[in-house]
């Protein structure tokens, strides 16, 4: 008997959920717990080391990615990488 593991499913471990509120909507990003503190204190300089995935979520734990329309209304763009870099500054 073998256990089937889906290949398209991303397991988020050691996750810290960082929430941001913009235009009356709440967005979340998945980061590494130990790297968030370093980023906020200025020790960590590379945002790619902090983020678990380059996606903006409505609910990280359920895997609900933010809708394109919500991103455009809140941030003026739907480019998730641009939103992550802009919000982290």
PDB file of N, CA and C in Angstrom:
ATOM      1  N   UNK A   1       0.837  -1.168   0.000  1.00  0.00           N
ATOM      2  CA  UNK A   1       0.000   0.000   0.000  1.00  0.00           C
ATOM      3  C   UNK A   1       0.890   1.242   0.000  1.00  0.00           C
ATOM      4  N   UNK A   2       0.680   2.147  -0.939  1.00  0.00           N
ATOM      5  CA  UNK A   2       1.473   3.372  -0.991  1.00  0.00           C
ATOM      6  C   UNK A   2       0.577   4.583  -0.729  1.00  0.00           C
ATOM      7  N   UNK A   3       1.208   5.607  -0.240  1.00  0.00           N
ATOM      8  CA  UNK A   3       0.491   6.850   0.045  1.00  0.00           C
ATOM      9  C   UNK A   3       0.732   7.797  -1.118  1.00  0.00           C
ATOM     10  N   UNK A   4      -0.343   8.319  -1.663  1.00  0.00           N
ATOM     11  CA  UNK A   4      -0.255   9.248  -2.787  1.00  0.00           C
ATOM     12  C   UNK A   4      -0.093  10.670  -2.272  1.00  0.00           C
ATOM     13  N   UNK A   5       0.954  11.331  -2.719  1.00  0.00           N
ATOM     14  CA  UNK A   5       1.181  12.728  -2.363  1.00  0.00           C
ATOM     15  C   UNK A   5       1.011  13.569  -3.618  1.00  0.00           C
ATOM     16  N   UNK A   6       0.070  14.494  -3.629  1.00  0.00           N
ATOM     17  CA  UNK A   6      -0.132  15.334  -4.812  1.00  0.00           C
ATOM     18  C   UNK A   6       1.116  16.166  -5.112  1.00  0.00           C
ATOM     19  N   UNK A   7       1.510  16.228  -6.369  1.00  0.00           N
ATOM     20  CA  UNK A   7       2.703  16.975  -6.743  1.00  0.00           C
ATOM     21  C   UNK A   7       2.434  18.467  -6.901  1.00  0.00           C
ATOM     22  N   UNK A   8       1.191  18.851  -7.081  1.00  0.00           N
ATOM     23  CA  UNK A   8       0.871  20.259  -7.268  1.00  0.00           C
ATOM     24  C   UNK A   8       0.524  20.955  -5.962  1.00  0.00           C
ATOM     25  N   UNK A   9       0.623  20.262  -4.854  1.00  0.00           N
ATOM     26  CA  UNK A   9       0.260  20.828  -3.558  1.00  0.00           C
ATOM     27  C   UNK A   9       1.520  21.305  -2.849  1.00  0.00           C
ATOM     28  N   UNK A  10       1.520  22.565  -2.412  1.00  0.00           N
ATOM     29  CA  UNK A  10       2.661  23.139  -1.713  1.00  0.00           C
ATOM     30  C   UNK A  10       2.401  23.073  -0.218  1.00  0.00           C
ATOM     31  N   UNK A  11       3.291  22.436   0.503  1.00  0.00           N
ATOM     32  CA  UNK A  11       3.185  22.355   1.956  1.00  0.00           C
ATOM     33  C   UNK A  11       3.886  23.559   2.560  1.00  0.00           C
ATOM     34  N   UNK A  12       3.163  24.344   3.341  1.00  0.00           N
ATOM     35  CA  UNK A  12       3.750  25.490   4.012  1.00  0.00           C
ATOM     36  C   UNK A  12       4.059  25.098   5.450  1.00  0.00           C
ATOM     37  N   UNK A  13       5.333  24.948   5.750  1.00  0.00           N
ATOM     38  CA  UNK A  13       5.762  24.599   7.104  1.00  0.00           C
ATOM     39  C   UNK A  13       6.538  25.766   7.692  1.00  0.00           C
ATOM     40  N   UNK A  14       6.584  25.836   8.998  1.00  0.00           N
ATOM     41  CA  UNK A  14       7.280  26.917   9.691  1.00  0.00           C
ATOM     42  C   UNK A  14       6.782  28.267   9.174  1.00  0.00           C
ATOM     43  N   UNK A  15       5.487  28.408   9.050  1.00  0.00           N
ATOM     44  CA  UNK A  15       4.917  29.580   8.396  1.00  0.00           C
ATOM     45  C   UNK A  15       4.546  30.658   9.413  1.00  0.00           C
ATOM     46  N   UNK A  16       4.836  31.890   9.019  1.00  0.00           N
ATOM     47  CA  UNK A  16       4.363  33.062   9.746  1.00  0.00           C
ATOM     48  C   UNK A  16       3.469  33.819   8.772  1.00  0.00           C
ATOM     49  N   UNK A  17       2.255  34.053   9.164  1.00  0.00           N
ATOM     50  CA  UNK A  17       1.312  34.759   8.304  1.00  0.00           C
ATOM     51  C   UNK A  17       1.418  36.248   8.604  1.00  0.00           C
ATOM     52  N   UNK A  18       1.781  37.008   7.582  1.00  0.00           N
ATOM     53  CA  UNK A  18       1.879  38.459   7.716  1.00  0.00           C
ATOM     54  C   UNK A  18       0.655  39.049   7.039  1.00  0.00           C
ATOM     55  N   UNK A  19      -0.113  39.810   7.804  1.00  0.00           N
ATOM     56  CA  UNK A  19      -1.360  40.372   7.289  1.00  0.00           C
ATOM     57  C   UNK A  19      -1.186  41.854   6.973  1.00  0.00           C
ATOM     58  N   UNK A  20      -1.854  42.281   5.923  1.00  0.00           N
ATOM     59  CA  UNK A  20      -1.876  43.696   5.573  1.00  0.00           C
ATOM     60  C   UNK A  20      -3.301  44.061   5.179  1.00  0.00           C
ATOM     61  N   UNK A  21      -3.714  45.239   5.599  1.00  0.00           N
ATOM     62  CA  UNK A  21      -5.056  45.704   5.289  1.00  0.00           C
ATOM     63  C   UNK A  21      -4.923  46.889   4.349  1.00  0.00           C
ATOM     64  N   UNK A  22      -5.655  46.804   3.255  1.00  0.00           N
ATOM     65  CA  UNK A  22      -5.582  47.852   2.251  1.00  0.00           C
ATOM     66  C   UNK A  22      -6.936  47.961   1.578  1.00  0.00           C
ATOM     67  N   UNK A  23      -7.457  49.150   1.446  1.00  0.00           N
ATOM     68  CA  UNK A  23      -8.736  49.416   0.765  1.00  0.00           C
ATOM     69  C   UNK A  23      -9.870  48.611   1.387  1.00  0.00           C
ATOM     70  N   UNK A  24      -9.847  48.436   2.707  1.00  0.00           N
ATOM     71  CA  UNK A  24     -10.913  47.737   3.404  1.00  0.00           C
ATOM     72  C   UNK A  24     -10.869  46.225   3.284  1.00  0.00           C
ATOM     73  N   UNK A  25      -9.830  45.696   2.663  1.00  0.00           N
ATOM     74  CA  UNK A  25      -9.693  44.246   2.508  1.00  0.00           C
ATOM     75  C   UNK A  25      -8.420  43.793   3.204  1.00  0.00           C
ATOM     76  N   UNK A  26      -8.456  42.550   3.708  1.00  0.00           N
ATOM     77  CA  UNK A  26      -7.296  41.991   4.392  1.00  0.00           C
ATOM     78  C   UNK A  26      -6.594  41.003   3.474  1.00  0.00           C
ATOM     79  N   UNK A  27      -5.289  41.159   3.342  1.00  0.00           N
ATOM     80  CA  UNK A  27      -4.468  40.274   2.535  1.00  0.00           C
ATOM     81  C   UNK A  27      -3.422  39.637   3.433  1.00  0.00           C
ATOM     82  N   UNK A  28      -2.946  38.461   3.042  1.00  0.00           N
ATOM     83  CA  UNK A  28      -1.957  37.741   3.834  1.00  0.00           C
ATOM     84  C   UNK A  28      -0.838  37.241   2.920  1.00  0.00           C
ATOM     85  N   UNK A  29       0.363  37.174   3.479  1.00  0.00           N
ATOM     86  CA  UNK A  29       1.479  36.562   2.770  1.00  0.00           C
ATOM     87  C   UNK A  29       2.126  35.542   3.701  1.00  0.00           C
ATOM     88  N   UNK A  30       2.692  34.490   3.130  1.00  0.00           N
ATOM     89  CA  UNK A  30       3.316  33.417   3.901  1.00  0.00           C
ATOM     90  C   UNK A  30       4.819  33.644   3.942  1.00  0.00           C
ATOM     91  N   UNK A  31       5.359  33.739   5.158  1.00  0.00           N
ATOM     92  CA  UNK A  31       6.785  33.976   5.356  1.00  0.00           C
ATOM     93  C   UNK A  31       7.344  32.934   6.310  1.00  0.00           C
ATOM     94  N   UNK A  32       8.683  32.864   6.374  1.00  0.00           N
ATOM     95  CA  UNK A  32       9.342  32.007   7.353  1.00  0.00           C
ATOM     96  C   UNK A  32       9.393  32.748   8.686  1.00  0.00           C
ATOM     97  N   UNK A  33       9.019  32.054   9.779  1.00  0.00           N
ATOM     98  CA  UNK A  33       8.942  32.692  11.096  1.00  0.00           C
ATOM     99  C   UNK A  33      10.248  33.333  11.509  1.00  0.00           C
ATOM    100  N   UNK A  34      11.331  32.605  11.385  1.00  0.00           N
ATOM    101  CA  UNK A  34      12.606  33.116  11.861  1.00  0.00           C
ATOM    102  C   UNK A  34      13.166  34.229  10.982  1.00  0.00           C
ATOM    103  N   UNK A  35      12.726  34.336   9.749  1.00  0.00           N
ATOM    104  CA  UNK A  35      13.232  35.370   8.841  1.00  0.00           C
ATOM    105  C   UNK A  35      12.460  36.685   8.960  1.00  0.00           C
ATOM    106  N   UNK A  36      11.211  36.642   9.402  1.00  0.00           N
ATOM    107  CA  UNK A  36      10.404  37.859   9.517  1.00  0.00           C
ATOM    108  C   UNK A  36      11.028  38.813  10.530  1.00  0.00           C
ATOM    109  N   UNK A  37      11.475  38.274  11.648  1.00  0.00           N
ATOM    110  CA  UNK A  37      12.094  39.107  12.682  1.00  0.00           C
ATOM    111  C   UNK A  37      13.373  39.748  12.136  1.00  0.00           C
ATOM    112  N   UNK A  38      14.153  38.975  11.407  1.00  0.00           N
ATOM    113  CA  UNK A  38      15.370  39.505  10.800  1.00  0.00           C
ATOM    114  C   UNK A  38      15.086  40.578   9.768  1.00  0.00           C
ATOM    115  N   UNK A  39      14.018  40.409   8.991  1.00  0.00           N
ATOM    116  CA  UNK A  39      13.631  41.408   7.985  1.00  0.00           C
ATOM    117  C   UNK A  39      13.205  42.708   8.661  1.00  0.00           C
ATOM    118  N   UNK A  40      12.397  42.590   9.702  1.00  0.00           N
ATOM    119  CA  UNK A  40      11.899  43.791  10.385  1.00  0.00           C
ATOM    120  C   UNK A  40      13.002  44.539  11.122  1.00  0.00           C
ATOM    121  N   UNK A  41      14.018  43.818  11.596  1.00  0.00           N
ATOM    122  CA  UNK A  41      15.121  44.475  12.300  1.00  0.00           C
ATOM    123  C   UNK A  41      16.197  44.971  11.338  1.00  0.00           C
ATOM    124  N   UNK A  42      16.109  44.593  10.066  1.00  0.00           N
ATOM    125  CA  UNK A  42      17.055  45.069   9.067  1.00  0.00           C
ATOM    126  C   UNK A  42      18.234  44.136   8.848  1.00  0.00           C
ATOM    127  N   UNK A  43      18.273  43.018   9.542  1.00  0.00           N
ATOM    128  CA  UNK A  43      19.371  42.062   9.382  1.00  0.00           C
ATOM    129  C   UNK A  43      19.252  41.340   8.044  1.00  0.00           C
ATOM    130  N   UNK A  44      18.055  40.872   7.718  1.00  0.00           N
ATOM    131  CA  UNK A  44      17.804  40.157   6.461  1.00  0.00           C
ATOM    132  C   UNK A  44      17.511  41.178   5.372  1.00  0.00           C
ATOM    133  N   UNK A  45      18.250  41.108   4.248  1.00  0.00           N
ATOM    134  CA  UNK A  45      18.096  42.085   3.161  1.00  0.00           C
ATOM    135  C   UNK A  45      17.364  41.511   1.946  1.00  0.00           C
ATOM    136  N   UNK A  46      17.390  40.193   1.774  1.00  0.00           N
ATOM    137  CA  UNK A  46      16.806  39.545   0.597  1.00  0.00           C
ATOM    138  C   UNK A  46      15.383  39.088   0.901  1.00  0.00           C
ATOM    139  N   UNK A  47      14.417  39.714   0.258  1.00  0.00           N
ATOM    140  CA  UNK A  47      13.015  39.379   0.500  1.00  0.00           C
ATOM    141  C   UNK A  47      12.689  37.953   0.054  1.00  0.00           C
ATOM    142  N   UNK A  48      13.402  37.442  -0.939  1.00  0.00           N
ATOM    143  CA  UNK A  48      13.171  36.069  -1.403  1.00  0.00           C
ATOM    144  C   UNK A  48      13.477  35.047  -0.318  1.00  0.00           C
ATOM    145  N   UNK A  49      14.371  35.365   0.593  1.00  0.00           N
ATOM    146  CA  UNK A  49      14.702  34.478   1.705  1.00  0.00           C
ATOM    147  C   UNK A  49      13.613  34.491   2.780  1.00  0.00           C
ATOM    148  N   UNK A  50      12.822  35.545   2.826  1.00  0.00           N
ATOM    149  CA  UNK A  50      11.785  35.717   3.846  1.00  0.00           C
ATOM    150  C   UNK A  50      10.474  35.074   3.408  1.00  0.00           C
ATOM    151  N   UNK A  51      10.128  35.212   2.138  1.00  0.00           N
ATOM    152  CA  UNK A  51       8.847  34.726   1.619  1.00  0.00           C
ATOM    153  C   UNK A  51       8.887  33.226   1.349  1.00  0.00           C
ATOM    154  N   UNK A  52       7.805  32.538   1.701  1.00  0.00           N
ATOM    155  CA  UNK A  52       7.692  31.124   1.344  1.00  0.00           C
ATOM    156  C   UNK A  52       7.204  30.971  -0.094  1.00  0.00           C
ATOM    157  N   UNK A  53       6.350  31.870  -0.523  1.00  0.00           N
ATOM    158  CA  UNK A  53       5.831  31.841  -1.885  1.00  0.00           C
ATOM    159  C   UNK A  53       5.527  33.269  -2.319  1.00  0.00           C
ATOM    160  N   UNK A  54       5.628  33.533  -3.602  1.00  0.00           N
ATOM    161  CA  UNK A  54       5.374  34.874  -4.126  1.00  0.00           C
ATOM    162  C   UNK A  54       3.905  35.018  -4.515  1.00  0.00           C
ATOM    163  N   UNK A  55       3.034  34.770  -3.568  1.00  0.00           N
ATOM    164  CA  UNK A  55       1.597  34.897  -3.796  1.00  0.00           C
ATOM    165  C   UNK A  55       0.980  35.723  -2.681  1.00  0.00           C
ATOM    166  N   UNK A  56      -0.038  36.485  -3.044  1.00  0.00           N
ATOM    167  CA  UNK A  56      -0.807  37.242  -2.058  1.00  0.00           C
ATOM    168  C   UNK A  56      -2.096  36.460  -1.841  1.00  0.00           C
ATOM    169  N   UNK A  57      -2.382  36.161  -0.594  1.00  0.00           N
ATOM    170  CA  UNK A  57      -3.532  35.335  -0.245  1.00  0.00           C
ATOM    171  C   UNK A  57      -4.607  36.151   0.451  1.00  0.00           C
ATOM    172  N   UNK A  58      -5.816  35.628   0.413  1.00  0.00           N
ATOM    173  CA  UNK A  58      -6.896  36.113   1.263  1.00  0.00           C
ATOM    174  C   UNK A  58      -6.854  35.318   2.558  1.00  0.00           C
ATOM    175  N   UNK A  59      -6.551  34.014   2.443  1.00  0.00           N
ATOM    176  CA  UNK A  59      -6.422  33.146   3.603  1.00  0.00           C
ATOM    177  C   UNK A  59      -5.316  32.125   3.314  1.00  0.00           C
ATOM    178  N   UNK A  60      -4.183  32.288   3.994  1.00  0.00           N
ATOM    179  CA  UNK A  60      -3.044  31.405   3.755  1.00  0.00           C
ATOM    180  C   UNK A  60      -3.351  29.977   4.161  1.00  0.00           C
ATOM    181  N   UNK A  61      -3.963  29.789   5.323  1.00  0.00           N
ATOM    182  CA  UNK A  61      -4.187  28.436   5.827  1.00  0.00           C
ATOM    183  C   UNK A  61      -5.117  27.621   4.928  1.00  0.00           C
ATOM    184  N   UNK A  62      -6.044  28.276   4.251  1.00  0.00           N
ATOM    185  CA  UNK A  62      -6.940  27.582   3.330  1.00  0.00           C
ATOM    186  C   UNK A  62      -6.404  27.591   1.893  1.00  0.00           C
ATOM    187  N   UNK A  63      -5.343  28.344   1.653  1.00  0.00           N
ATOM    188  CA  UNK A  63      -4.761  28.413   0.315  1.00  0.00           C
ATOM    189  C   UNK A  63      -5.549  29.249  -0.656  1.00  0.00           C
ATOM    190  N   UNK A  64      -6.334  30.202  -0.155  1.00  0.00           N
ATOM    191  CA  UNK A  64      -7.167  31.045  -1.016  1.00  0.00           C
ATOM    192  C   UNK A  64      -6.358  32.251  -1.486  1.00  0.00           C
ATOM    193  N   UNK A  65      -6.008  32.233  -2.762  1.00  0.00           N
ATOM    194  CA  UNK A  65      -5.233  33.323  -3.358  1.00  0.00           C
ATOM    195  C   UNK A  65      -6.158  34.505  -3.602  1.00  0.00           C
ATOM    196  N   UNK A  66      -5.619  35.713  -3.445  1.00  0.00           N
ATOM    197  CA  UNK A  66      -6.414  36.928  -3.648  1.00  0.00           C
ATOM    198  C   UNK A  66      -6.823  37.052  -5.117  1.00  0.00           C
ATOM    199  N   UNK A  67      -8.030  37.549  -5.329  1.00  0.00           N
ATOM    200  CA  UNK A  67      -8.550  37.710  -6.684  1.00  0.00           C
ATOM    201  C   UNK A  67      -7.867  38.890  -7.367  1.00  0.00           C
ATOM    202  N   UNK A  68      -7.760  38.777  -8.679  1.00  0.00           N
ATOM    203  CA  UNK A  68      -7.114  39.813  -9.491  1.00  0.00           C
ATOM    204  C   UNK A  68      -7.810  41.164  -9.310  1.00  0.00           C
ATOM    205  N   UNK A  69      -9.139  41.157  -9.269  1.00  0.00           N
ATOM    206  CA  UNK A  69      -9.896  42.400  -9.125  1.00  0.00           C
ATOM    207  C   UNK A  69      -9.616  43.071  -7.781  1.00  0.00           C
ATOM    208  N   UNK A  70      -9.498  42.268  -6.716  1.00  0.00           N
ATOM    209  CA  UNK A  70      -9.211  42.817  -5.384  1.00  0.00           C
ATOM    210  C   UNK A  70      -7.823  43.427  -5.330  1.00  0.00           C
ATOM    211  N   UNK A  71      -6.855  42.788  -5.975  1.00  0.00           N
ATOM    212  CA  UNK A  71      -5.496  43.322  -5.994  1.00  0.00           C
ATOM    213  C   UNK A  71      -5.424  44.643  -6.747  1.00  0.00           C
ATOM    214  N   UNK A  72      -6.129  44.714  -7.867  1.00  0.00           N
ATOM    215  CA  UNK A  72      -6.125  45.949  -8.660  1.00  0.00           C
ATOM    216  C   UNK A  72      -6.793  47.079  -7.895  1.00  0.00           C
ATOM    217  N   UNK A  73      -7.907  46.803  -7.219  1.00  0.00           N
ATOM    218  CA  UNK A  73      -8.596  47.860  -6.480  1.00  0.00           C
ATOM    219  C   UNK A  73      -7.805  48.316  -5.266  1.00  0.00           C
ATOM    220  N   UNK A  74      -7.052  47.420  -4.630  1.00  0.00           N
ATOM    221  CA  UNK A  74      -6.312  47.775  -3.416  1.00  0.00           C
ATOM    222  C   UNK A  74      -4.930  48.346  -3.709  1.00  0.00           C
ATOM    223  N   UNK A  75      -4.237  47.797  -4.709  1.00  0.00           N
ATOM    224  CA  UNK A  75      -2.847  48.180  -4.945  1.00  0.00           C
ATOM    225  C   UNK A  75      -2.615  48.871  -6.291  1.00  0.00           C
ATOM    226  N   UNK A  76      -3.603  48.850  -7.174  1.00  0.00           N
ATOM    227  CA  UNK A  76      -3.445  49.487  -8.472  1.00  0.00           C
ATOM    228  C   UNK A  76      -2.757  48.601  -9.498  1.00  0.00           C
ATOM    229  N   UNK A  77      -2.417  47.373  -9.131  1.00  0.00           N
ATOM    230  CA  UNK A  77      -1.787  46.425 -10.041  1.00  0.00           C
ATOM    231  C   UNK A  77      -2.144  45.011  -9.614  1.00  0.00           C
ATOM    232  N   UNK A  78      -1.988  44.068 -10.542  1.00  0.00           N
ATOM    233  CA  UNK A  78      -2.236  42.673 -10.174  1.00  0.00           C
ATOM    234  C   UNK A  78      -0.931  41.869 -10.174  1.00  0.00           C
ATOM    235  N   UNK A  79       0.210  42.552 -10.344  1.00  0.00           N
ATOM    236  CA  UNK A  79       1.515  41.894 -10.301  1.00  0.00           C
ATOM    237  C   UNK A  79       1.876  41.612  -8.840  1.00  0.00           C
ATOM    238  N   UNK A  80       1.784  40.344  -8.444  1.00  0.00           N
ATOM    239  CA  UNK A  80       1.958  39.988  -7.038  1.00  0.00           C
ATOM    240  C   UNK A  80       3.381  40.246  -6.543  1.00  0.00           C
ATOM    241  N   UNK A  81       4.379  40.042  -7.393  1.00  0.00           N
ATOM    242  CA  UNK A  81       5.761  40.301  -6.986  1.00  0.00           C
ATOM    243  C   UNK A  81       5.961  41.786  -6.697  1.00  0.00           C
ATOM    244  N   UNK A  82       5.400  42.638  -7.527  1.00  0.00           N
ATOM    245  CA  UNK A  82       5.498  44.084  -7.314  1.00  0.00           C
ATOM    246  C   UNK A  82       4.798  44.486  -6.016  1.00  0.00           C
ATOM    247  N   UNK A  83       3.654  43.887  -5.726  1.00  0.00           N
ATOM    248  CA  UNK A  83       2.922  44.181  -4.495  1.00  0.00           C
ATOM    249  C   UNK A  83       3.747  43.765  -3.281  1.00  0.00           C
ATOM    250  N   UNK A  84       4.359  42.592  -3.326  1.00  0.00           N
ATOM    251  CA  UNK A  84       5.150  42.107  -2.193  1.00  0.00           C
ATOM    252  C   UNK A  84       6.344  42.999  -1.924  1.00  0.00           C
ATOM    253  N   UNK A  85       7.041  43.431  -2.966  1.00  0.00           N
ATOM    254  CA  UNK A  85       8.197  44.298  -2.774  1.00  0.00           C
ATOM    255  C   UNK A  85       7.782  45.679  -2.321  1.00  0.00           C
ATOM    256  N   UNK A  86       6.661  46.185  -2.844  1.00  0.00           N
ATOM    257  CA  UNK A  86       6.179  47.516  -2.462  1.00  0.00           C
ATOM    258  C   UNK A  86       5.739  47.535  -1.005  1.00  0.00           C
ATOM    259  N   UNK A  87       4.997  46.531  -0.576  1.00  0.00           N
ATOM    260  CA  UNK A  87       4.475  46.481   0.794  1.00  0.00           C
ATOM    261  C   UNK A  87       5.543  46.193   1.819  1.00  0.00           C
ATOM    262  N   UNK A  88       6.643  45.586   1.418  1.00  0.00           N
ATOM    263  CA  UNK A  88       7.676  45.245   2.386  1.00  0.00           C
ATOM    264  C   UNK A  88       8.577  46.419   2.721  1.00  0.00           C
ATOM    265  N   UNK A  89       8.523  47.484   1.953  1.00  0.00           N
ATOM    266  CA  UNK A  89       9.389  48.645   2.219  1.00  0.00           C
ATOM    267  C   UNK A  89       8.838  49.521   3.306  1.00  0.00           C
TER     268      UNK A  89
END
